[in-house]
N, C-alpha and C. Protein backbone atom coordinates (compact mmCIF):
# COMPACT_ATOMS: atom_id res chain seq x y z
N MET A 1 0.82 -1.36 0.07
CA MET A 1 -0.30 -0.18 -0.64
C MET A 1 0.94 1.33 -0.52
N LYS A 2 0.84 2.18 -1.18
CA LYS A 2 1.06 3.72 -0.39
C LYS A 2 0.41 4.53 -0.48
N LEU A 3 0.91 5.09 1.21
CA LEU A 3 -0.27 5.90 1.91
C LEU A 3 -0.07 7.15 2.12
N ILE A 4 -0.93 8.65 1.30
CA ILE A 4 -0.39 9.43 1.16
C ILE A 4 -1.02 9.81 2.63
N LEU A 5 -0.25 10.95 3.39
CA LEU A 5 -0.71 11.10 5.13
C LEU A 5 -0.61 12.50 5.63
N ALA A 6 -1.22 13.32 4.99
CA ALA A 6 -2.06 14.43 5.26
C ALA A 6 -2.14 15.45 6.03
N ARG A 7 -2.24 16.68 6.98
CA ARG A 7 -2.71 16.99 7.75
C ARG A 7 -3.32 17.74 7.80
N HIS A 8 -4.46 18.21 8.11
CA HIS A 8 -5.77 19.36 7.76
C HIS A 8 -5.11 20.69 7.85
N GLY A 9 -4.96 22.11 6.72
CA GLY A 9 -4.70 22.72 6.88
C GLY A 9 -4.80 23.84 7.63
N GLN A 10 -3.63 24.82 7.99
CA GLN A 10 -3.68 25.67 8.95
C GLN A 10 -4.73 26.04 9.20
N THR A 11 -5.46 26.15 10.56
CA THR A 11 -6.86 26.96 10.57
C THR A 11 -6.52 28.45 12.20
N GLN A 12 -7.70 29.23 11.92
CA GLN A 12 -7.72 29.42 13.09
C GLN A 12 -6.79 29.67 14.36
N TRP A 13 -7.19 28.45 15.13
CA TRP A 13 -6.95 28.59 15.95
C TRP A 13 -5.68 28.22 15.85
N ASN A 14 -4.79 26.85 14.70
CA ASN A 14 -2.97 26.94 14.99
C ASN A 14 -2.83 27.84 14.76
N ARG A 15 -2.13 29.32 14.51
CA ARG A 15 -2.79 30.31 13.82
C ARG A 15 -1.92 30.91 15.08
N GLU A 16 -3.01 30.67 16.34
CA GLU A 16 -3.33 31.58 17.60
C GLU A 16 -2.51 30.66 18.97
N LYS A 17 -2.17 29.15 18.33
CA LYS A 17 -1.87 28.96 19.00
C LYS A 17 -2.15 28.51 20.27
N ARG A 18 -3.98 27.61 20.07
CA ARG A 18 -4.44 27.31 20.59
C ARG A 18 -4.70 26.01 20.81
N LEU A 19 -5.20 24.94 21.46
CA LEU A 19 -4.69 23.31 21.94
C LEU A 19 -6.79 23.46 21.26
N GLN A 20 -6.61 22.75 20.06
CA GLN A 20 -7.45 22.45 18.98
C GLN A 20 -8.27 21.49 20.04
N GLY A 21 -7.48 19.91 19.62
CA GLY A 21 -7.97 18.04 20.25
C GLY A 21 -9.37 18.39 18.99
N ARG A 22 -10.51 17.57 20.04
CA ARG A 22 -11.70 17.45 19.60
C ARG A 22 -12.39 18.41 18.60
N ARG A 23 -12.69 20.03 19.33
CA ARG A 23 -12.96 21.14 18.79
C ARG A 23 -12.75 21.09 17.88
N ASP A 24 -13.43 22.24 17.28
CA ASP A 24 -12.83 22.60 15.08
C ASP A 24 -12.49 24.71 14.90
N SER A 25 -12.54 24.61 14.63
CA SER A 25 -11.91 26.27 14.20
C SER A 25 -11.24 25.55 12.79
N PRO A 26 -11.78 27.56 12.16
CA PRO A 26 -12.05 27.39 10.56
C PRO A 26 -11.01 27.39 10.53
N LEU A 27 -10.83 27.26 9.24
CA LEU A 27 -9.64 26.99 8.19
C LEU A 27 -9.30 28.39 7.18
N THR A 28 -7.89 28.33 8.02
CA THR A 28 -7.25 30.41 7.34
C THR A 28 -7.40 30.31 6.16
N SER A 29 -6.90 30.81 5.32
CA SER A 29 -6.27 31.61 4.19
C SER A 29 -5.91 30.52 3.57
N VAL A 30 -4.76 30.95 4.73
CA VAL A 30 -3.54 29.52 4.22
C VAL A 30 -3.58 28.49 3.83
N GLY A 31 -4.45 27.90 5.38
CA GLY A 31 -4.67 26.37 5.32
C GLY A 31 -5.80 25.87 3.93
N GLN A 32 -6.69 26.35 4.01
CA GLN A 32 -7.30 26.44 2.19
C GLN A 32 -6.41 26.28 1.15
N SER A 33 -5.03 27.00 1.17
CA SER A 33 -4.59 27.18 0.02
C SER A 33 -3.74 25.76 0.10
N GLN A 34 -3.08 25.09 1.65
CA GLN A 34 -2.63 24.26 1.69
C GLN A 34 -3.85 23.03 1.03
N ALA A 35 -5.16 23.52 1.63
CA ALA A 35 -6.12 21.97 1.23
C ALA A 35 -6.09 22.29 -0.35
N ARG A 36 -5.94 23.37 -1.49
CA ARG A 36 -5.78 23.44 -2.57
C ARG A 36 -4.80 22.85 -3.07
N LEU A 37 -3.66 22.70 -2.62
CA LEU A 37 -2.73 22.33 -3.25
C LEU A 37 -2.22 20.40 -3.19
N LEU A 38 -2.50 20.70 -1.90
CA LEU A 38 -3.48 19.00 -1.68
C LEU A 38 -4.09 18.62 -2.79
N ALA A 39 -5.20 18.87 -2.74
CA ALA A 39 -6.20 18.62 -4.00
C ALA A 39 -5.86 17.84 -5.13
N ARG A 40 -4.73 19.43 -5.51
CA ARG A 40 -3.86 18.91 -6.72
C ARG A 40 -2.83 17.71 -6.76
N LEU A 41 -2.49 17.97 -5.97
CA LEU A 41 -0.90 16.51 -5.12
C LEU A 41 -1.98 15.13 -5.79
N ALA A 42 -2.84 15.32 -5.16
CA ALA A 42 -4.36 14.38 -5.20
C ALA A 42 -4.69 13.73 -7.19
N VAL A 43 -4.85 14.53 -7.46
CA VAL A 43 -4.81 14.46 -8.63
C VAL A 43 -4.12 13.65 -9.95
N ARG A 44 -2.77 14.24 -9.34
CA ARG A 44 -1.11 13.11 -9.83
C ARG A 44 -1.07 12.30 -9.47
N GLU A 45 -1.09 11.74 -7.38
CA GLU A 45 -1.59 10.86 -7.60
C GLU A 45 -1.91 9.41 -8.10
N LYS A 46 -3.26 10.20 -7.67
CA LYS A 46 -4.65 9.30 -8.06
C LYS A 46 -4.85 8.08 -7.14
N PRO A 47 -4.52 8.15 -6.25
CA PRO A 47 -5.26 7.61 -4.48
C PRO A 47 -6.94 6.68 -5.11
N ILE A 48 -6.84 5.96 -4.56
CA ILE A 48 -8.44 5.17 -5.73
C ILE A 48 -9.50 5.45 -4.03
N ALA A 49 -9.53 6.53 -3.02
CA ALA A 49 -9.97 7.07 -1.41
C ALA A 49 -9.01 7.39 -1.12
N VAL A 50 -10.25 8.58 -0.02
CA VAL A 50 -9.66 9.78 0.84
C VAL A 50 -10.08 9.59 1.60
N VAL A 51 -9.84 9.27 3.02
CA VAL A 51 -9.95 9.17 4.18
C VAL A 51 -10.25 10.46 5.38
N SER A 52 -10.89 10.45 5.98
CA SER A 52 -10.22 11.39 6.76
C SER A 52 -10.95 11.82 8.61
N SER A 53 -10.23 12.47 9.44
CA SER A 53 -11.25 12.31 10.50
C SER A 53 -12.03 13.25 10.35
N ASP A 54 -13.36 12.71 11.28
CA ASP A 54 -14.77 13.30 10.89
C ASP A 54 -14.09 14.72 11.65
N LEU A 55 -13.37 15.44 12.24
CA LEU A 55 -13.67 16.51 12.43
C LEU A 55 -13.42 17.80 11.40
N GLN A 56 -14.33 18.80 11.52
CA GLN A 56 -14.30 19.73 10.71
C GLN A 56 -13.38 19.99 9.78
N ARG A 57 -11.91 20.10 10.58
CA ARG A 57 -10.83 20.78 10.27
C ARG A 57 -10.44 20.18 8.50
N ALA A 58 -10.49 18.27 9.25
CA ALA A 58 -9.79 18.11 8.27
C ALA A 58 -10.56 16.78 7.44
N VAL A 59 -12.11 17.53 7.29
CA VAL A 59 -12.82 17.06 6.81
C VAL A 59 -12.96 17.98 5.01
N SER A 60 -12.91 19.42 5.86
CA SER A 60 -12.28 20.80 4.38
C SER A 60 -11.09 20.78 4.34
N THR A 61 -10.27 19.95 4.43
CA THR A 61 -9.39 20.08 3.75
C THR A 61 -9.13 19.17 3.09
N ALA A 62 -9.66 17.59 3.14
CA ALA A 62 -10.29 16.52 2.46
C ALA A 62 -10.87 16.74 1.45
N SER A 63 -12.27 17.55 1.12
CA SER A 63 -12.96 17.78 0.23
C SER A 63 -12.78 18.07 -0.60
N LEU A 64 -11.95 18.89 -1.09
CA LEU A 64 -11.49 19.32 -2.77
C LEU A 64 -11.36 18.49 -2.79
N ALA A 65 -9.97 18.27 -2.18
CA ALA A 65 -9.65 16.53 -3.28
C ALA A 65 -10.39 15.44 -3.34
N THR A 66 -11.70 14.83 -3.14
CA THR A 66 -12.61 14.18 -3.55
C THR A 66 -13.03 15.00 -4.48
N LYS A 67 -13.34 16.49 -4.46
CA LYS A 67 -13.98 16.85 -5.58
C LYS A 67 -13.67 16.20 -7.39
N GLN A 68 -11.66 16.75 -6.96
CA GLN A 68 -10.54 16.68 -8.07
C GLN A 68 -10.60 14.70 -8.55
N LEU A 69 -10.69 14.18 -7.42
CA LEU A 69 -10.94 12.84 -7.82
C LEU A 69 -12.43 12.27 -8.32
N GLY A 70 -13.44 12.52 -8.11
CA GLY A 70 -14.94 12.11 -7.89
C GLY A 70 -14.61 10.81 -7.26
N VAL A 71 -14.98 10.99 -6.15
CA VAL A 71 -14.42 9.63 -4.89
C VAL A 71 -15.02 10.07 -3.56
N LYS A 72 -15.88 9.20 -3.10
CA LYS A 72 -16.44 9.42 -1.72
C LYS A 72 -15.67 9.85 -0.28
N LEU A 73 -16.08 10.72 0.85
CA LEU A 73 -14.79 10.62 1.36
C LEU A 73 -15.70 9.61 2.75
N LEU A 74 -14.42 9.47 3.29
CA LEU A 74 -14.81 8.39 3.50
C LEU A 74 -13.70 9.14 4.80
N LYS A 75 -14.56 8.97 5.81
CA LYS A 75 -14.94 9.97 8.20
C LYS A 75 -14.05 8.46 8.37
N LYS A 76 -13.76 8.54 9.91
CA LYS A 76 -13.20 7.76 10.38
C LYS A 76 -12.78 9.12 11.69
N HIS A 77 -13.44 7.80 12.82
CA HIS A 77 -13.43 8.36 14.21
C HIS A 77 -12.37 8.45 14.76
N ALA A 78 -11.81 6.77 13.63
CA ALA A 78 -10.67 6.62 14.61
C ALA A 78 -9.38 7.79 14.61
N LEU A 79 -9.32 8.47 13.31
CA LEU A 79 -8.59 9.15 13.16
C LEU A 79 -8.92 10.74 13.75
N ARG A 80 -9.81 11.47 14.91
CA ARG A 80 -9.62 12.09 14.70
C ARG A 80 -8.63 12.89 16.26
N GLU A 81 -8.38 13.92 15.79
CA GLU A 81 -7.21 14.53 16.94
C GLU A 81 -7.43 14.08 18.39
N ILE A 82 -6.24 13.94 19.04
CA ILE A 82 -5.91 13.56 20.89
C ILE A 82 -6.98 14.83 20.98
N GLY A 83 -7.36 13.65 22.37
CA GLY A 83 -8.07 14.77 23.30
C GLY A 83 -7.76 15.44 24.32
N TYR A 84 -7.84 17.32 23.54
CA TYR A 84 -7.34 17.59 25.04
C TYR A 84 -8.19 17.73 26.45
N GLY A 85 -9.60 17.54 26.11
CA GLY A 85 -10.71 18.47 27.46
C GLY A 85 -10.94 19.15 27.36
N ARG A 86 -10.48 19.84 28.78
CA ARG A 86 -10.83 20.76 29.80
C ARG A 86 -9.87 22.00 29.10
N LEU A 87 -8.82 21.46 28.85
CA LEU A 87 -7.62 22.72 27.65
C LEU A 87 -7.78 22.72 26.58
N GLU A 88 -8.88 22.37 25.67
CA GLU A 88 -9.45 23.01 24.60
C GLU A 88 -9.98 24.04 24.06
N GLY A 89 -9.27 24.84 22.84
CA GLY A 89 -9.50 25.87 22.90
C GLY A 89 -8.40 26.83 23.76
N LEU A 90 -8.03 26.31 24.36
CA LEU A 90 -7.28 27.86 25.33
C LEU A 90 -5.73 27.46 24.23
N ALA A 91 -4.77 28.97 25.05
CA ALA A 91 -3.56 29.17 24.66
C ALA A 91 -2.47 28.42 25.30
N LEU A 92 -1.02 28.68 25.63
CA LEU A 92 -0.51 27.97 27.27
C LEU A 92 -0.35 28.49 28.36
N ALA A 93 -0.24 29.86 27.72
CA ALA A 93 -0.38 31.14 29.16
C ALA A 93 -1.83 31.09 30.46
N GLU A 94 -3.29 30.08 28.99
CA GLU A 94 -4.38 29.93 29.75
C GLU A 94 -4.39 29.30 30.28
N ILE A 95 -4.07 27.95 30.20
CA ILE A 95 -3.73 26.90 30.50
C ILE A 95 -2.29 26.43 31.70
N GLU A 96 -1.67 27.69 32.26
CA GLU A 96 -1.22 27.00 33.26
C GLU A 96 -2.07 27.98 34.12
N GLU A 97 -2.55 29.61 33.75
CA GLU A 97 -3.02 30.00 34.40
C GLU A 97 -4.51 29.22 35.50
N SER A 98 -5.69 28.89 34.35
CA SER A 98 -6.62 27.72 34.94
C SER A 98 -5.84 26.38 35.57
N PHE A 99 -5.32 25.85 35.29
CA PHE A 99 -4.50 24.20 35.41
C PHE A 99 -3.17 24.14 35.40
N PRO A 100 -2.45 24.85 36.16
CA PRO A 100 -1.39 24.75 36.84
C PRO A 100 -0.56 23.83 36.78
N GLY A 101 0.54 23.57 36.64
CA GLY A 101 1.70 23.15 36.22
C GLY A 101 1.21 20.92 35.48
N VAL A 102 -0.43 21.07 34.60
CA VAL A 102 -0.65 20.28 34.07
C VAL A 102 0.25 20.63 32.40
N TRP A 103 0.09 21.16 32.04
CA TRP A 103 0.90 21.35 30.55
C TRP A 103 2.78 20.43 31.11
N PRO A 104 3.32 21.32 31.30
CA PRO A 104 4.64 20.00 31.97
C PRO A 104 4.96 18.75 32.33
N ARG A 105 3.36 18.74 33.77
CA ARG A 105 3.43 17.26 33.22
C ARG A 105 2.95 16.31 32.01
N ARG A 106 2.38 16.46 31.15
CA ARG A 106 1.78 16.69 30.50
C ARG A 106 3.42 16.00 28.56
N GLN A 107 4.19 17.27 29.01
CA GLN A 107 4.47 17.36 27.60
C GLN A 107 5.98 16.34 28.42
N LYS A 108 5.57 15.62 30.04
CA LYS A 108 6.97 15.62 30.21
C LYS A 108 6.41 13.76 29.72
N ASP A 109 5.53 13.14 30.20
CA ASP A 109 5.02 11.89 29.68
C ASP A 109 3.05 11.98 29.01
N ARG A 110 4.17 12.52 27.61
CA ARG A 110 2.78 11.90 26.67
C ARG A 110 1.85 10.32 26.45
N PHE A 111 2.65 10.23 27.52
CA PHE A 111 1.89 8.13 26.46
C PHE A 111 1.49 7.46 28.42
N ARG A 112 1.00 8.93 29.07
CA ARG A 112 0.86 8.40 30.13
C ARG A 112 -0.36 8.90 30.74
N PHE A 113 0.42 9.99 30.83
CA PHE A 113 -0.48 11.32 31.51
C PHE A 113 -1.34 11.79 30.86
N ARG A 114 -2.98 11.95 31.09
CA ARG A 114 -4.21 12.74 31.16
C ARG A 114 -4.58 13.88 30.86
N VAL A 115 -4.58 14.89 29.90
CA VAL A 115 -4.91 16.64 30.98
C VAL A 115 -6.10 15.85 31.99
N PRO A 116 -6.86 17.03 32.06
CA PRO A 116 -8.45 16.60 32.26
C PRO A 116 -9.31 16.48 31.37
N GLY A 117 -10.12 15.32 31.72
CA GLY A 117 -10.97 15.12 30.93
C GLY A 117 -10.26 14.33 29.43
N GLY A 118 -8.95 14.48 29.04
CA GLY A 118 -8.44 14.63 26.97
C GLY A 118 -7.41 12.48 27.55
N GLU A 119 -7.06 12.28 26.44
CA GLU A 119 -6.89 11.47 26.23
C GLU A 119 -4.82 11.58 26.39
N ASN A 120 -4.29 10.52 26.32
CA ASN A 120 -2.42 10.43 26.03
C ASN A 120 -2.96 9.20 24.92
N TYR A 121 -1.62 9.31 23.97
CA TYR A 121 -0.44 8.90 23.58
C TYR A 121 -1.37 7.18 23.55
N VAL A 122 -0.98 6.26 24.35
CA VAL A 122 -1.73 5.13 24.09
C VAL A 122 -3.05 5.11 24.25
N ASP A 123 -3.68 6.24 24.68
CA ASP A 123 -5.68 6.16 24.20
C ASP A 123 -5.57 6.49 22.95
N VAL A 124 -4.53 7.04 22.39
CA VAL A 124 -4.36 7.84 20.69
C VAL A 124 -3.98 5.49 19.29
N ALA A 125 -3.40 5.73 19.77
CA ALA A 125 -3.15 4.23 19.37
C ALA A 125 -3.90 3.10 19.94
N GLN A 126 -4.48 2.82 20.60
CA GLN A 126 -5.78 2.04 21.19
C GLN A 126 -6.41 2.48 19.75
N ARG A 127 -6.87 3.54 19.35
CA ARG A 127 -8.02 3.52 18.85
C ARG A 127 -7.25 3.26 17.46
N LEU A 128 -5.88 3.54 17.05
CA LEU A 128 -5.26 3.94 16.13
C LEU A 128 -5.35 2.13 14.94
N LYS A 129 -5.03 1.27 16.47
CA LYS A 129 -4.51 -0.29 15.98
C LYS A 129 -5.33 -0.95 14.45
N PRO A 130 -6.87 -0.55 15.27
CA PRO A 130 -7.74 -1.18 14.37
C PRO A 130 -8.08 -0.61 12.68
N PHE A 131 -7.83 1.26 13.36
CA PHE A 131 -7.97 0.79 11.59
C PHE A 131 -6.56 1.08 10.94
N CYS A 132 -5.44 1.21 11.29
CA CYS A 132 -4.21 0.51 10.62
C CYS A 132 -4.38 -1.42 9.93
N SER A 133 -5.23 -1.92 10.45
CA SER A 133 -5.41 -3.43 9.74
C SER A 133 -6.40 -3.52 8.92
N TRP A 134 -7.26 -2.14 8.79
CA TRP A 134 -8.62 -1.60 8.31
C TRP A 134 -7.98 -1.05 6.94
N LEU A 135 -7.27 -0.35 7.07
CA LEU A 135 -6.32 0.36 5.91
C LEU A 135 -5.91 -0.88 5.17
N ALA A 136 -5.18 -1.34 5.09
CA ALA A 136 -4.28 -2.65 5.15
C ALA A 136 -5.18 -3.55 4.20
N ASN A 137 -6.25 -4.23 5.16
CA ASN A 137 -7.28 -5.57 4.65
C ASN A 137 -8.43 -4.81 3.53
N ARG A 138 -8.52 -3.01 3.62
CA ARG A 138 -8.78 -2.44 2.56
C ARG A 138 -9.20 -2.15 0.60
N PHE A 139 -7.31 -2.16 1.15
CA PHE A 139 -6.75 -1.28 -0.03
C PHE A 139 -5.28 -1.70 -0.62
N GLY A 140 -4.65 -2.73 0.75
CA GLY A 140 -3.89 -3.45 -0.11
C GLY A 140 -3.16 -2.85 -0.71
N ASP A 141 -2.28 -2.75 -2.19
CA ASP A 141 -1.75 -2.76 -2.84
C ASP A 141 -1.87 -1.35 -3.46
N GLU A 142 -2.92 -0.87 -3.49
CA GLU A 142 -3.56 0.49 -3.27
C GLU A 142 -2.96 1.65 -3.41
N THR A 143 -3.12 2.62 -4.04
CA THR A 143 -2.93 4.53 -3.03
C THR A 143 -3.64 5.36 -2.66
N VAL A 144 -4.30 5.02 -1.04
CA VAL A 144 -5.15 6.16 0.08
C VAL A 144 -4.31 7.38 0.17
N LEU A 145 -5.07 8.28 -0.14
CA LEU A 145 -4.84 9.76 0.82
C LEU A 145 -5.43 9.61 2.11
N VAL A 146 -4.67 9.79 3.39
CA VAL A 146 -5.23 9.67 4.84
C VAL A 146 -5.19 11.05 5.40
N VAL A 147 -5.99 12.05 5.27
CA VAL A 147 -5.48 13.30 6.22
C VAL A 147 -6.59 13.08 7.83
N GLY A 148 -5.12 13.73 8.50
CA GLY A 148 -5.47 13.27 10.21
C GLY A 148 -5.00 15.01 11.02
N HIS A 149 -4.58 14.20 11.93
CA HIS A 149 -3.93 15.55 12.45
C HIS A 149 -2.91 15.38 13.38
N GLY A 150 -2.18 16.87 13.24
CA GLY A 150 -0.92 16.36 14.37
C GLY A 150 0.40 15.04 15.24
N ASN A 151 -0.56 14.79 16.03
CA ASN A 151 -0.80 14.74 17.56
C ASN A 151 -1.04 12.67 16.58
N THR A 152 -2.57 12.98 16.34
CA THR A 152 -2.58 11.49 16.05
C THR A 152 -1.62 10.54 14.60
N ASN A 153 -1.31 12.09 13.66
CA ASN A 153 -0.33 11.68 13.03
C ASN A 153 0.80 10.77 13.00
N ARG A 154 1.09 11.30 14.26
CA ARG A 154 2.36 11.07 15.08
C ARG A 154 2.30 9.82 15.36
N VAL A 155 1.57 9.50 16.61
CA VAL A 155 0.65 8.14 16.71
C VAL A 155 1.02 6.89 15.37
N LEU A 156 -0.22 7.06 14.50
CA LEU A 156 -0.05 6.41 13.77
C LEU A 156 1.73 6.21 12.71
N MET A 157 2.14 6.86 11.92
CA MET A 157 3.80 6.29 11.15
C MET A 157 3.85 6.09 13.11
N GLY A 158 4.41 6.22 14.21
CA GLY A 158 5.00 5.62 15.27
C GLY A 158 5.38 4.29 15.19
N LEU A 159 3.48 4.03 14.17
CA LEU A 159 3.14 2.25 15.09
C LEU A 159 3.35 1.51 12.98
N LEU A 160 2.81 2.54 12.00
CA LEU A 160 3.40 1.64 10.43
C LEU A 160 4.74 1.69 10.52
N LEU A 161 5.55 2.70 11.31
CA LEU A 161 7.05 2.55 11.55
C LEU A 161 7.62 1.09 12.44
N ARG A 162 7.11 1.27 13.46
CA ARG A 162 7.52 0.53 14.79
C ARG A 162 8.32 0.76 15.03
N TYR A 163 7.93 2.07 15.85
CA TYR A 163 9.13 2.40 16.51
C TYR A 163 8.96 2.43 18.31
N PRO A 164 10.11 2.31 18.58
CA PRO A 164 9.78 2.19 20.94
C PRO A 164 9.15 3.72 20.80
N HIS A 165 8.82 4.52 21.99
CA HIS A 165 7.98 4.60 22.50
C HIS A 165 8.51 6.31 22.28
N ARG A 166 10.10 6.31 23.06
CA ARG A 166 10.89 6.89 22.46
C ARG A 166 10.58 8.27 21.24
N LYS A 167 10.49 7.58 19.88
CA LYS A 167 11.23 8.05 18.84
C LYS A 167 9.64 8.56 18.06
N TRP A 168 9.10 8.16 19.07
CA TRP A 168 7.48 8.74 18.67
C TRP A 168 6.96 10.18 18.20
N LEU A 169 8.10 10.72 19.12
CA LEU A 169 8.38 12.18 19.09
C LEU A 169 9.24 13.22 18.21
N ASP A 170 9.84 11.49 17.91
CA ASP A 170 10.52 12.61 17.01
C ASP A 170 10.51 12.85 15.19
N ILE A 171 8.64 12.21 14.80
CA ILE A 171 8.15 12.89 14.22
C ILE A 171 7.39 13.82 13.94
N HIS A 172 7.22 14.53 13.09
CA HIS A 172 7.08 15.77 13.15
C HIS A 172 5.98 16.10 11.92
N GLN A 173 4.75 16.90 12.10
CA GLN A 173 3.93 17.42 10.47
C GLN A 173 3.28 18.59 10.63
N PRO A 174 3.67 19.63 10.31
CA PRO A 174 3.66 20.93 9.95
C PRO A 174 2.26 20.85 8.98
N ASN A 175 1.29 21.67 9.37
CA ASN A 175 -0.07 21.28 8.47
C ASN A 175 0.67 21.72 7.09
N TYR A 176 1.93 21.60 6.02
CA TYR A 176 1.97 22.04 4.73
C TYR A 176 3.24 20.77 5.09
N VAL A 177 3.19 20.18 5.22
CA VAL A 177 4.02 18.65 5.04
C VAL A 177 3.34 17.25 4.80
N VAL A 178 2.74 16.81 3.95
CA VAL A 178 3.09 15.61 3.79
C VAL A 178 3.77 14.19 3.83
N TYR A 179 3.36 12.69 4.36
CA TYR A 179 4.28 12.06 4.03
C TYR A 179 3.09 10.82 2.83
N PHE A 180 4.71 9.85 3.26
CA PHE A 180 4.81 9.08 1.46
C PHE A 180 5.27 8.62 2.69
N LEU A 181 4.31 7.18 2.59
CA LEU A 181 4.65 5.71 3.25
C LEU A 181 4.02 4.78 2.56
N GLU A 182 5.32 4.05 1.52
CA GLU A 182 5.14 2.79 1.72
C GLU A 182 4.81 1.10 2.22
N VAL A 183 4.00 0.92 2.07
CA VAL A 183 3.90 -0.53 3.13
C VAL A 183 4.57 -1.50 2.72
N LYS A 184 4.49 -2.95 2.65
CA LYS A 184 4.70 -4.31 2.22
C LYS A 184 4.87 -5.30 3.30
N ASN A 185 4.42 -5.73 3.79
CA ASN A 185 4.36 -7.25 4.42
C ASN A 185 4.20 -6.91 5.83
N GLY A 186 3.14 -5.46 6.31
CA GLY A 186 2.89 -4.72 6.74
C GLY A 186 4.11 -4.39 7.67
N ARG A 187 5.54 -3.56 6.74
CA ARG A 187 6.36 -3.31 7.47
C ARG A 187 6.83 -1.66 6.51
N VAL A 188 6.75 -0.39 6.61
CA VAL A 188 6.98 0.88 6.27
C VAL A 188 8.55 0.36 5.14
N ARG A 189 8.55 0.15 4.11
CA ARG A 189 10.11 0.23 3.23
C ARG A 189 10.63 1.72 2.31
N ARG A 190 9.91 2.34 2.69
CA ARG A 190 9.95 3.61 1.88
C ARG A 190 9.65 4.67 2.63
N LEU A 191 10.05 6.03 3.10
CA LEU A 191 8.65 6.66 3.27
C LEU A 191 10.16 8.02 3.21
N GLU A 192 8.96 9.12 2.38
CA GLU A 192 9.68 10.58 2.49
C GLU A 192 8.58 11.42 2.36
N HIS A 193 9.02 12.63 2.17
CA HIS A 193 8.23 13.79 2.90
C HIS A 193 7.83 14.71 1.08
N LEU A 194 6.81 15.21 1.27
CA LEU A 194 6.68 17.09 0.77
C LEU A 194 5.98 18.08 1.35
N THR A 195 6.70 19.39 0.89
CA THR A 195 6.15 19.79 1.57
C THR A 195 5.01 21.10 0.32
N LEU A 196 4.27 21.15 0.92
CA LEU A 196 3.10 21.51 0.17
C LEU A 196 3.27 23.46 -0.02
N GLY A 197 3.44 23.85 -1.37
CA GLY A 197 4.02 25.18 -1.33
C GLY A 197 3.68 27.07 -0.73
N HIS A 198 2.71 26.96 -0.08
CA HIS A 198 2.38 27.66 0.20
C HIS A 198 2.95 28.43 1.64
N HIS A 199 4.54 27.24 2.67
CA HIS A 199 4.89 27.26 3.26
C HIS A 199 6.10 28.36 3.39
N ARG A 200 5.69 29.69 4.09
CA ARG A 200 7.13 30.29 3.17
C ARG A 200 7.51 30.93 2.66
N LYS A 201 6.43 31.28 1.24
CA LYS A 201 6.18 32.06 0.07
C LYS A 201 6.76 31.03 -1.27
N GLN A 202 6.99 30.06 -0.17
CA GLN A 202 7.25 28.70 -1.93
C GLN A 202 5.54 29.03 -2.68
N ALA A 203 6.01 28.41 -4.12
CA ALA A 203 5.02 27.87 -4.69
C ALA A 203 5.39 26.62 -5.39
N GLY A 204 3.81 25.86 -5.29
CA GLY A 204 4.02 24.05 -5.84
C GLY A 204 4.34 23.47 -4.80
N LEU A 205 4.89 22.10 -5.31
CA LEU A 205 5.21 21.24 -4.90
C LEU A 205 7.17 20.56 -4.93
N TYR A 206 7.21 20.74 -3.78
CA TYR A 206 8.16 19.81 -3.71
C TYR A 206 8.48 18.29 -2.63
N LYS A 207 9.17 17.76 -3.10
CA LYS A 207 9.17 16.75 -3.11
C LYS A 207 10.10 15.83 -2.88
N VAL A 208 10.68 15.85 -1.28
CA VAL A 208 12.50 15.70 -1.00
C VAL A 208 12.44 13.64 -0.36
N LYS A 209 13.30 13.33 -0.69
CA LYS A 209 14.02 11.86 -0.14
C LYS A 209 14.78 11.98 1.51
N TRP A 210 13.76 11.22 2.19
CA TRP A 210 13.69 11.00 3.95
C TRP A 210 14.01 9.89 4.25
N TRP A 211 13.92 8.73 4.38
CA TRP A 211 14.40 7.58 4.91
C TRP A 211 14.11 6.51 3.78
N GLN A 212 14.72 5.21 3.54
CA GLN A 212 14.33 4.57 3.09
C GLN A 212 14.98 3.12 3.71
């Protein structure tokens, strides 16, 4: 399977550096441009399916690709962003004021510590493991585009790459980066990344070999 893994376009809360989690905010003009470039990429790569989180920012990003490809969007609850519970919608300074010490504890142990009403990385991994099996069984050797979220995609890649937990934190995906994973017999054989061109006034699509 060739997996094209994208993150939703930049949102208002991304720009304001607020935690989103399960709550949504609209795409900015930059995010809309990123979604259009992702649709162009989809036309070039020709995935047979587009799968996204069911949160609106991911749906808005993925929908442009489905329109270009003429396929139905498959929405999956498992791809939702990590839940931040009572911290959602808050900036870091507001979190420290309302929940002193919580964010440093979370950053120290993202795998076990849960913010109030939220999830940890182990929780996210548990809902993504069945999704990984579904992808492999459903699409076999085909190409599929998946649109998710920063933390969710980090955990998904960590699972697919079979990284130990400590290496998951080395995986980063800004809104303008798309990963390509070639998966054979349950293992990632090739990994590349591409930068969507509206980052730092670039134009077009740039593909860079990252790991093999």
